[in-house]
C-alpha atoms as a PDB file:
ATOM      1  CA  MET A   1      95.347   9.080 -41.577  1.00  0.00           C
ATOM      2  CA  ALA A   2      98.555  11.033 -41.002  1.00  0.00           C
ATOM      3  CA  ASP A   3      96.546  13.861 -39.442  1.00  0.00           C
ATOM      4  CA  THR A   4      94.939  11.454 -36.988  1.00  0.00           C
ATOM      5  CA  GLU A   5      98.320  10.016 -35.973  1.00  0.00           C
ATOM      6  CA  ALA A   6      99.816  13.497 -35.590  1.00  0.00           C
ATOM      7  CA  ALA A   7      96.889  14.642 -33.418  1.00  0.00           C
ATOM      8  CA  ALA A   8      97.129  11.515 -31.299  1.00  0.00           C
ATOM      9  CA  SER A   9     100.849  12.073 -30.676  1.00  0.00           C
ATOM     10  CA  LEU A  10     100.339  15.632 -29.375  1.00  0.00           C
ATOM     11  CA  PRO A  11      99.668  16.038 -25.659  1.00  0.00           C
ATOM     12  CA  HIS A  12      96.111  17.012 -24.749  1.00  0.00           C
ATOM     13  CA  ARG A  13      95.878  20.763 -24.221  1.00  0.00           C
ATOM     14  CA  HIS A  14      93.051  22.079 -22.093  1.00  0.00           C
ATOM     15  CA  ASP A  15      91.330  25.128 -23.451  1.00  0.00           C
ATOM     16  CA  THR A  16      91.218  28.183 -21.204  1.00  0.00           C
ATOM     17  CA  ARG A  17      87.527  27.867 -20.407  1.00  0.00           C
ATOM     18  CA  GLU A  18      87.908  24.251 -19.357  1.00  0.00           C
ATOM     19  CA  ALA A  19      90.936  25.129 -17.214  1.00  0.00           C
ATOM     20  CA  VAL A  20      89.148  28.069 -15.570  1.00  0.00           C
ATOM     21  CA  LEU A  21      86.092  25.985 -14.732  1.00  0.00           C
ATOM     22  CA  PHE A  22      88.037  22.985 -13.466  1.00  0.00           C
ATOM     23  CA  GLY A  23      90.632  24.997 -11.579  1.00  0.00           C
ATOM     24  CA  GLY A  24      88.098  27.469 -10.235  1.00  0.00           C
ATOM     25  CA  VAL A  25      85.752  24.816  -8.914  1.00  0.00           C
ATOM     26  CA  TYR A  26      88.575  22.705  -7.542  1.00  0.00           C
ATOM     27  CA  GLY A  27      90.275  25.735  -5.953  1.00  0.00           C
ATOM     28  CA  SER A  28      87.073  27.079  -4.393  1.00  0.00           C
ATOM     29  CA  VAL A  29      86.151  23.728  -2.874  1.00  0.00           C
ATOM     30  CA  LEU A  30      89.752  23.268  -1.717  1.00  0.00           C
ATOM     31  CA  ALA A  31      89.719  26.717  -0.098  1.00  0.00           C
ATOM     32  CA  SER A  32      86.456  26.016   1.726  1.00  0.00           C
ATOM     33  CA  SER A  33      87.679  22.635   2.885  1.00  0.00           C
ATOM     34  CA  MET A  34      90.962  24.050   4.119  1.00  0.00           C
ATOM     35  CA  VAL A  35      89.224  26.865   6.010  1.00  0.00           C
ATOM     36  CA  ALA A  36      86.891  24.324   7.609  1.00  0.00           C
ATOM     37  CA  ALA A  37      89.769  22.047   8.568  1.00  0.00           C
ATOM     38  CA  LEU A  38      92.032  24.809   9.848  1.00  0.00           C
ATOM     39  CA  THR A  39      89.337  26.404  12.010  1.00  0.00           C
ATOM     40  CA  GLN A  40      87.979  23.141  13.405  1.00  0.00           C
ATOM     41  CA  HIS A  41      89.790  23.455  16.704  1.00  0.00           C
ATOM     42  CA  GLY A  42      88.709  27.033  17.359  1.00  0.00           C
ATOM     43  CA  HIS A  43      92.064  28.713  16.732  1.00  0.00           C
ATOM     44  CA  THR A  44      90.904  32.208  15.884  1.00  0.00           C
ATOM     45  CA  SER A  45      93.837  34.426  16.832  1.00  0.00           C
ATOM     46  CA  ARG A  46      95.357  36.838  14.343  1.00  0.00           C
ATOM     47  CA  GLU A  47      98.489  34.715  14.260  1.00  0.00           C
ATOM     48  CA  SER A  48      96.541  31.546  13.474  1.00  0.00           C
ATOM     49  CA  ARG A  49      94.714  33.285  10.599  1.00  0.00           C
ATOM     50  CA  ARG A  50      98.038  34.287   9.014  1.00  0.00           C
ATOM     51  CA  TYR A  51      99.141  30.669   9.452  1.00  0.00           C
ATOM     52  CA  ASP A  52      95.869  29.504   7.842  1.00  0.00           C
ATOM     53  CA  ALA A  53      96.420  31.817   4.867  1.00  0.00           C
ATOM     54  CA  ALA A  54      99.948  30.508   4.381  1.00  0.00           C
ATOM     55  CA  TRP A  55      98.804  26.868   4.574  1.00  0.00           C
ATOM     56  CA  LEU A  56      96.007  27.526   2.121  1.00  0.00           C
ATOM     57  CA  LEU A  57      98.503  28.899  -0.409  1.00  0.00           C
ATOM     58  CA  VAL A  58     100.950  26.033   0.160  1.00  0.00           C
ATOM     59  CA  THR A  59      98.155  23.494  -0.274  1.00  0.00           C
ATOM     60  CA  ALA A  60      96.903  25.162  -3.447  1.00  0.00           C
ATOM     61  CA  LEU A  61     100.379  25.256  -4.965  1.00  0.00           C
ATOM     62  CA  ALA A  62     101.029  21.618  -4.017  1.00  0.00           C
ATOM     63  CA  SER A  63      97.667  20.580  -5.461  1.00  0.00           C
ATOM     64  CA  ALA A  64      98.315  22.477  -8.686  1.00  0.00           C
ATOM     65  CA  LEU A  65     101.768  20.929  -9.035  1.00  0.00           C
ATOM     66  CA  ALA A  66     100.446  17.445  -8.317  1.00  0.00           C
ATOM     67  CA  HIS A  67      97.553  17.816 -10.741  1.00  0.00           C
ATOM     68  CA  GLY A  68      99.725  19.275 -13.492  1.00  0.00           C
ATOM     69  CA  TYR A  69     102.372  16.616 -13.033  1.00  0.00           C
ATOM     70  CA  ALA A  70      99.716  13.880 -13.073  1.00  0.00           C
ATOM     71  CA  HIS A  71      98.418  15.235 -16.399  1.00  0.00           C
ATOM     72  CA  TYR A  72     101.952  15.315 -17.747  1.00  0.00           C
ATOM     73  CA  ILE A  73     102.838  11.731 -16.887  1.00  0.00           C
ATOM     74  CA  ALA A  74      99.372  10.401 -17.799  1.00  0.00           C
ATOM     75  CA  GLU A  75      99.791  11.572 -21.372  1.00  0.00           C
ATOM     76  CA  ARG A  76     101.652   8.659 -22.815  1.00  0.00           C
ATOM     77  CA  ALA A  77     102.940  10.656 -25.728  1.00  0.00           C
ATOM     78  CA  PRO A  78     106.368  12.011 -26.509  1.00  0.00           C
ATOM     79  CA  HIS A  79     107.024  15.330 -24.845  1.00  0.00           C
ATOM     80  CA  ARG A  80     109.139  18.276 -25.830  1.00  0.00           C
ATOM     81  CA  ARG A  81     111.612  19.769 -23.411  1.00  0.00           C
ATOM     82  CA  TRP A  82     109.362  22.483 -21.930  1.00  0.00           C
ATOM     83  CA  ASP A  83     106.021  20.631 -22.000  1.00  0.00           C
ATOM     84  CA  VAL A  84     106.125  19.970 -18.282  1.00  0.00           C
ATOM     85  CA  LEU A  85     106.313  23.710 -17.570  1.00  0.00           C
ATOM     86  CA  HIS A  86     103.386  24.400 -19.902  1.00  0.00           C
ATOM     87  CA  THR A  87     101.379  21.646 -18.234  1.00  0.00           C
ATOM     88  CA  LEU A  88     102.119  23.042 -14.779  1.00  0.00           C
ATOM     89  CA  ALA A  89     101.316  26.597 -15.905  1.00  0.00           C
ATOM     90  CA  ASP A  90      97.893  25.396 -17.064  1.00  0.00           C
ATOM     91  CA  GLU A  91      97.004  24.899 -13.392  1.00  0.00           C
ATOM     92  CA  TRP A  92      96.958  28.650 -12.624  1.00  0.00           C
ATOM     93  CA  PRO A  93      93.134  28.827 -12.170  1.00  0.00           C
ATOM     94  CA  LEU A  94      93.323  26.460  -9.194  1.00  0.00           C
ATOM     95  CA  VAL A  95      95.786  28.743  -7.412  1.00  0.00           C
ATOM     96  CA  ALA A  96      93.924  31.900  -8.485  1.00  0.00           C
ATOM     97  CA  ALA A  97      90.674  30.529  -7.036  1.00  0.00           C
ATOM     98  CA  VAL A  98      92.147  30.280  -3.528  1.00  0.00           C
ATOM     99  CA  LEU A  99      93.641  33.782  -3.521  1.00  0.00           C
ATOM    100  CA  PRO A 100      90.462  35.610  -2.392  1.00  0.00           C
ATOM    101  CA  THR A 101      90.077  33.216   0.567  1.00  0.00           C
ATOM    102  CA  ALA A 102      93.763  33.567   1.405  1.00  0.00           C
ATOM    103  CA  ALA A 103      93.289  37.351   1.335  1.00  0.00           C
ATOM    104  CA  ILE A 104      90.334  37.098   3.733  1.00  0.00           C
ATOM    105  CA  LEU A 105      92.381  34.961   6.143  1.00  0.00           C
ATOM    106  CA  ALA A 106      95.486  37.133   5.830  1.00  0.00           C
ATOM    107  CA  GLY A 107      93.401  40.283   6.317  1.00  0.00           C
ATOM    108  CA  ALA A 108      92.059  38.857   9.560  1.00  0.00           C
ATOM    109  CA  GLY A 109      95.630  38.002  10.524  1.00  0.00           C
ATOM    110  CA  TRP A 110      96.752  41.562   9.853  1.00  0.00           C
ATOM    111  CA  GLY A 111      93.907  42.983  11.902  1.00  0.00           C
ATOM    112  CA  TRP A 112      91.830  44.418   9.053  1.00  0.00           C
ATOM    113  CA  TRP A 113      88.753  42.656  10.463  1.00  0.00           C
ATOM    114  CA  PRO A 114      88.058  40.303  13.369  1.00  0.00           C
ATOM    115  CA  ALA A 115      89.873  36.980  13.214  1.00  0.00           C
ATOM    116  CA  ASN A 116      87.048  35.188  15.010  1.00  0.00           C
ATOM    117  CA  GLY A 117      84.330  33.999  12.636  1.00  0.00           C
ATOM    118  CA  VAL A 118      86.166  34.908   9.427  1.00  0.00           C
ATOM    119  CA  GLU A 119      85.472  31.429   8.084  1.00  0.00           C
ATOM    120  CA  TYR A 120      81.823  32.348   7.420  1.00  0.00           C
ATOM    121  CA  PRO A 121      82.602  35.171   4.981  1.00  0.00           C
ATOM    122  CA  ALA A 122      85.195  32.836   3.401  1.00  0.00           C
ATOM    123  CA  PHE A 123      82.535  30.151   2.947  1.00  0.00           C
ATOM    124  CA  ALA A 124      80.088  32.692   1.490  1.00  0.00           C
ATOM    125  CA  LEU A 125      82.740  33.988  -0.912  1.00  0.00           C
ATOM    126  CA  ASN A 126      83.568  30.487  -2.151  1.00  0.00           C
ATOM    127  CA  ILE A 127      79.913  29.543  -2.563  1.00  0.00           C
ATOM    128  CA  GLY A 128      79.453  32.735  -4.567  1.00  0.00           C
ATOM    129  CA  LEU A 129      82.513  31.918  -6.686  1.00  0.00           C
ATOM    130  CA  LEU A 130      81.228  28.427  -7.360  1.00  0.00           C
ATOM    131  CA  PHE A 131      77.824  29.783  -8.425  1.00  0.00           C
ATOM    132  CA  THR A 132      79.457  32.391 -10.665  1.00  0.00           C
ATOM    133  CA  LEU A 133      81.815  29.874 -12.289  1.00  0.00           C
ATOM    134  CA  GLY A 134      78.931  27.533 -13.062  1.00  0.00           C
ATOM    135  CA  LEU A 135      76.743  30.334 -14.430  1.00  0.00           C
ATOM    136  CA  VAL A 136      79.445  31.966 -16.565  1.00  0.00           C
ATOM    137  CA  THR A 137      80.744  28.686 -17.937  1.00  0.00           C
ATOM    138  CA  ALA A 138      77.232  27.552 -18.865  1.00  0.00           C
ATOM    139  CA  ARG A 139      76.595  30.836 -20.638  1.00  0.00           C
ATOM    140  CA  TRP A 140      79.942  30.459 -22.482  1.00  0.00           C
ATOM    141  CA  SER A 141      78.572  27.139 -23.707  1.00  0.00           C
ATOM    142  CA  ARG A 142      75.459  28.942 -24.993  1.00  0.00           C
ATOM    143  CA  ARG A 143      73.138  27.293 -22.494  1.00  0.00           C
ATOM    144  CA  SER A 144      69.875  29.019 -21.653  1.00  0.00           C
ATOM    145  CA  TRP A 145      69.677  31.307 -18.634  1.00  0.00           C
ATOM    146  CA  LEU A 146      67.571  28.752 -16.794  1.00  0.00           C
ATOM    147  CA  ALA A 147      70.120  26.008 -17.445  1.00  0.00           C
ATOM    148  CA  ALA A 148      73.005  28.325 -16.527  1.00  0.00           C
ATOM    149  CA  VAL A 149      71.419  29.313 -13.220  1.00  0.00           C
ATOM    150  CA  THR A 150      70.702  25.645 -12.477  1.00  0.00           C
ATOM    151  CA  ILE A 151      74.320  24.715 -13.169  1.00  0.00           C
ATOM    152  CA  GLY A 152      75.450  27.629 -10.981  1.00  0.00           C
ATOM    153  CA  VAL A 153      73.273  26.406  -8.136  1.00  0.00           C
ATOM    154  CA  VAL A 154      74.575  22.846  -8.488  1.00  0.00           C
ATOM    155  CA  ASP A 155      78.156  24.140  -8.392  1.00  0.00           C
ATOM    156  CA  ALA A 156      77.337  26.281  -5.349  1.00  0.00           C
ATOM    157  CA  MET A 157      75.962  23.191  -3.615  1.00  0.00           C
ATOM    158  CA  LEU A 158      79.519  21.792  -3.576  1.00  0.00           C
ATOM    159  CA  GLY A 159      80.438  24.670  -1.280  1.00  0.00           C
ATOM    160  CA  VAL A 160      77.301  24.199   0.786  1.00  0.00           C
ATOM    161  CA  VAL A 161      78.250  20.542   1.314  1.00  0.00           C
ATOM    162  CA  VAL A 162      81.572  21.670   2.801  1.00  0.00           C
ATOM    163  CA  VAL A 163      79.806  24.179   5.095  1.00  0.00           C
ATOM    164  CA  VAL A 164      77.298  21.562   6.262  1.00  0.00           C
ATOM    165  CA  ALA A 165      80.039  19.002   6.804  1.00  0.00           C
ATOM    166  CA  ASN A 166      81.979  21.578   8.819  1.00  0.00           C
ATOM    167  CA  ALA A 167      78.943  22.261  11.013  1.00  0.00           C
ATOM    168  CA  VAL A 168      78.271  18.543  11.531  1.00  0.00           C
ATOM    169  CA  ILE A 169      81.906  17.691  12.285  1.00  0.00           C
ATOM    170  CA  LYS A 170      82.275  20.542  14.798  1.00  0.00           C
END
Protein backbone atom coordinates (compact mmCIF):
# COMPACT_ATOMS: atom_id res chain seq x y z
CA MET A 1 0.00 0.00 0.00
CA ALA A 2 2.79 2.42 0.89
CA ASP A 3 4.55 1.61 -2.38
CA THR A 4 1.41 2.46 -4.34
CA GLU A 5 1.03 5.80 -2.57
CA ALA A 6 4.71 6.62 -3.07
CA ALA A 7 4.50 5.79 -6.79
CA ALA A 8 1.35 7.87 -7.15
CA SER A 9 2.99 10.90 -5.53
CA LEU A 10 5.96 10.88 -7.94
CA PRO A 11 5.56 12.84 -11.17
CA HIS A 12 5.17 10.73 -14.31
CA ARG A 13 8.52 10.37 -16.07
CA HIS A 14 8.51 9.56 -19.75
CA ASP A 15 10.99 6.96 -20.82
CA THR A 16 13.47 7.93 -23.50
CA ARG A 17 11.85 5.85 -26.22
CA GLU A 18 8.44 7.37 -25.57
CA ALA A 19 9.94 10.87 -25.56
CA VAL A 20 11.86 10.26 -28.80
CA LEU A 21 8.78 8.92 -30.59
CA PHE A 22 6.44 11.62 -29.34
CA GLY A 23 8.89 14.47 -29.79
CA GLY A 24 10.16 13.18 -33.11
CA VAL A 25 6.72 12.76 -34.62
CA TYR A 26 5.48 16.05 -33.21
CA GLY A 27 8.62 17.90 -34.31
CA SER A 28 8.61 16.43 -37.83
CA VAL A 29 4.95 17.28 -38.39
CA LEU A 30 5.53 20.73 -36.89
CA ALA A 31 8.50 21.30 -39.21
CA SER A 32 6.51 20.27 -42.28
CA SER A 33 3.58 22.43 -41.27
CA MET A 34 5.79 25.43 -40.63
CA VAL A 35 7.58 25.04 -43.98
CA ALA A 36 4.20 24.80 -45.73
CA ALA A 37 2.87 27.87 -43.91
CA LEU A 38 6.01 29.96 -44.38
CA THR A 39 6.29 29.23 -48.10
CA GLN A 40 2.60 29.67 -48.87
CA HIS A 41 2.99 33.16 -50.26
CA GLY A 42 5.88 32.29 -52.56
CA HIS A 43 8.64 34.05 -50.62
CA THR A 44 11.65 32.12 -51.86
CA SER A 45 14.54 34.56 -51.49
CA ARG A 46 17.66 33.62 -49.55
CA GLU A 47 16.71 36.15 -46.89
CA SER A 48 13.23 34.68 -46.47
CA ARG A 49 14.69 31.16 -46.07
CA ARG A 50 16.94 32.34 -43.23
CA TYR A 51 13.86 33.97 -41.69
CA ASP A 52 11.93 30.70 -42.14
CA ALA A 53 14.72 28.74 -40.41
CA ALA A 54 14.72 31.16 -37.48
CA TRP A 55 10.93 31.00 -37.13
CA LEU A 56 10.98 27.23 -37.26
CA LEU A 57 13.46 27.12 -34.36
CA VAL A 58 11.50 29.70 -32.35
CA THR A 59 8.27 27.76 -32.90
CA ALA A 60 9.89 24.46 -31.91
CA LEU A 61 11.34 25.95 -28.73
CA ALA A 62 8.03 27.59 -27.83
CA SER A 63 6.16 24.33 -28.49
CA ALA A 64 8.63 22.35 -26.38
CA LEU A 65 8.36 24.84 -23.53
CA ALA A 66 4.57 24.89 -23.71
CA HIS A 67 4.33 21.11 -23.84
CA GLY A 68 6.81 20.61 -21.01
CA TYR A 69 5.12 23.22 -18.86
CA ALA A 70 1.70 21.68 -19.54
CA HIS A 71 3.04 18.30 -18.37
CA TYR A 72 4.48 19.94 -15.27
CA ILE A 73 1.29 21.69 -14.18
CA ALA A 74 -0.95 18.76 -15.19
CA GLU A 75 0.80 16.48 -12.73
CA ARG A 76 -1.10 17.27 -9.60
CA ALA A 77 1.61 15.95 -7.37
CA PRO A 78 4.12 17.70 -5.17
CA HIS A 79 7.19 18.82 -7.06
CA ARG A 80 10.78 19.25 -6.03
CA ARG A 81 12.63 22.45 -6.77
CA TRP A 82 14.20 21.42 -10.10
CA ASP A 83 11.39 19.22 -11.46
CA VAL A 84 10.26 21.91 -13.88
CA LEU A 85 13.71 21.97 -15.50
CA HIS A 86 13.74 18.18 -15.81
CA THR A 87 10.26 18.26 -17.34
CA LEU A 88 11.30 20.92 -19.85
CA ALA A 89 14.52 19.05 -20.68
CA ASP A 90 12.44 15.97 -21.53
CA GLU A 91 11.15 17.87 -24.57
CA TRP A 92 14.52 17.80 -26.39
CA PRO A 93 13.36 15.32 -29.09
CA LEU A 94 10.78 17.81 -30.36
CA VAL A 95 13.46 20.46 -30.89
CA ALA A 96 15.95 17.92 -32.29
CA ALA A 97 13.39 16.76 -34.86
CA VAL A 98 13.13 20.22 -36.43
CA LEU A 99 16.88 20.79 -36.67
CA PRO A 100 17.37 18.98 -40.02
CA THR A 101 14.58 21.05 -41.60
CA ALA A 102 16.00 24.23 -40.08
CA ALA A 103 19.38 23.29 -41.57
CA ILE A 104 17.82 22.80 -45.01
CA LEU A 105 16.14 26.22 -44.81
CA ALA A 106 19.23 27.93 -43.41
CA GLY A 107 21.42 26.28 -46.06
CA ALA A 108 19.17 27.71 -48.76
CA GLY A 109 19.40 31.07 -47.01
CA TRP A 110 23.18 30.91 -47.00
CA GLY A 111 23.27 30.02 -50.69
CA TRP A 112 24.36 26.39 -50.35
CA TRP A 113 21.50 25.37 -52.67
CA PRO A 114 18.65 27.17 -54.42
CA ALA A 115 16.16 28.87 -52.11
CA ASN A 116 13.30 28.30 -54.55
CA GLY A 117 11.64 24.91 -54.08
CA VAL A 118 13.57 23.93 -50.95
CA GLU A 119 10.29 23.05 -49.25
CA TYR A 120 10.05 19.83 -51.29
CA PRO A 121 13.31 18.33 -49.97
CA ALA A 122 12.21 19.48 -46.49
CA PHE A 123 8.89 17.64 -46.90
CA ALA A 124 10.69 14.52 -48.16
CA LEU A 125 13.12 14.63 -45.25
CA ASN A 126 10.30 14.91 -42.70
CA ILE A 127 8.28 12.13 -44.30
CA GLY A 128 11.41 9.97 -44.18
CA LEU A 129 11.97 10.88 -40.53
CA LEU A 130 8.38 10.00 -39.67
CA PHE A 131 8.69 6.63 -41.42
CA THR A 132 12.00 5.91 -39.66
CA LEU A 133 10.65 6.89 -36.23
CA GLY A 134 7.64 4.63 -36.66
CA LEU A 135 9.74 1.72 -37.91
CA VAL A 136 12.46 1.99 -35.25
CA THR A 137 10.03 2.49 -32.40
CA ALA A 138 7.95 -0.50 -33.49
CA ARG A 139 11.08 -2.65 -33.67
CA TRP A 140 12.09 -1.42 -30.17
CA SER A 141 8.72 -2.75 -29.04
CA ARG A 142 9.58 -6.13 -30.59
CA ARG A 143 6.91 -5.88 -33.27
CA SER A 144 7.32 -7.94 -36.42
CA TRP A 145 8.95 -6.38 -39.48
CA LEU A 146 5.60 -6.28 -41.25
CA ALA A 147 3.97 -4.47 -38.33
CA ALA A 148 6.95 -2.12 -38.01
CA VAL A 149 6.86 -1.17 -41.69
CA THR A 150 3.09 -0.65 -41.45
CA ILE A 151 3.52 1.64 -38.45
CA GLY A 152 6.28 3.50 -40.30
CA VAL A 153 4.00 4.01 -43.29
CA VAL A 154 1.16 5.25 -41.07
CA ASP A 155 3.54 7.72 -39.39
CA ALA A 156 4.80 8.86 -42.79
CA MET A 157 1.22 9.49 -43.86
CA LEU A 158 1.08 12.29 -41.27
CA GLY A 159 3.71 14.08 -43.32
CA VAL A 160 1.94 13.27 -46.57
CA VAL A 161 -1.23 14.86 -45.18
CA VAL A 162 0.69 18.10 -44.61
CA VAL A 163 2.11 18.00 -48.16
CA VAL A 164 -1.33 17.35 -49.67
CA ALA A 165 -2.90 20.08 -47.55
CA ASN A 166 -0.15 22.46 -48.68
CA ALA A 167 -0.84 21.64 -52.34
CA VAL A 168 -4.60 22.06 -51.90
CA ILE A 169 -4.31 25.32 -49.96
CA LYS A 170 -1.90 26.87 -52.49
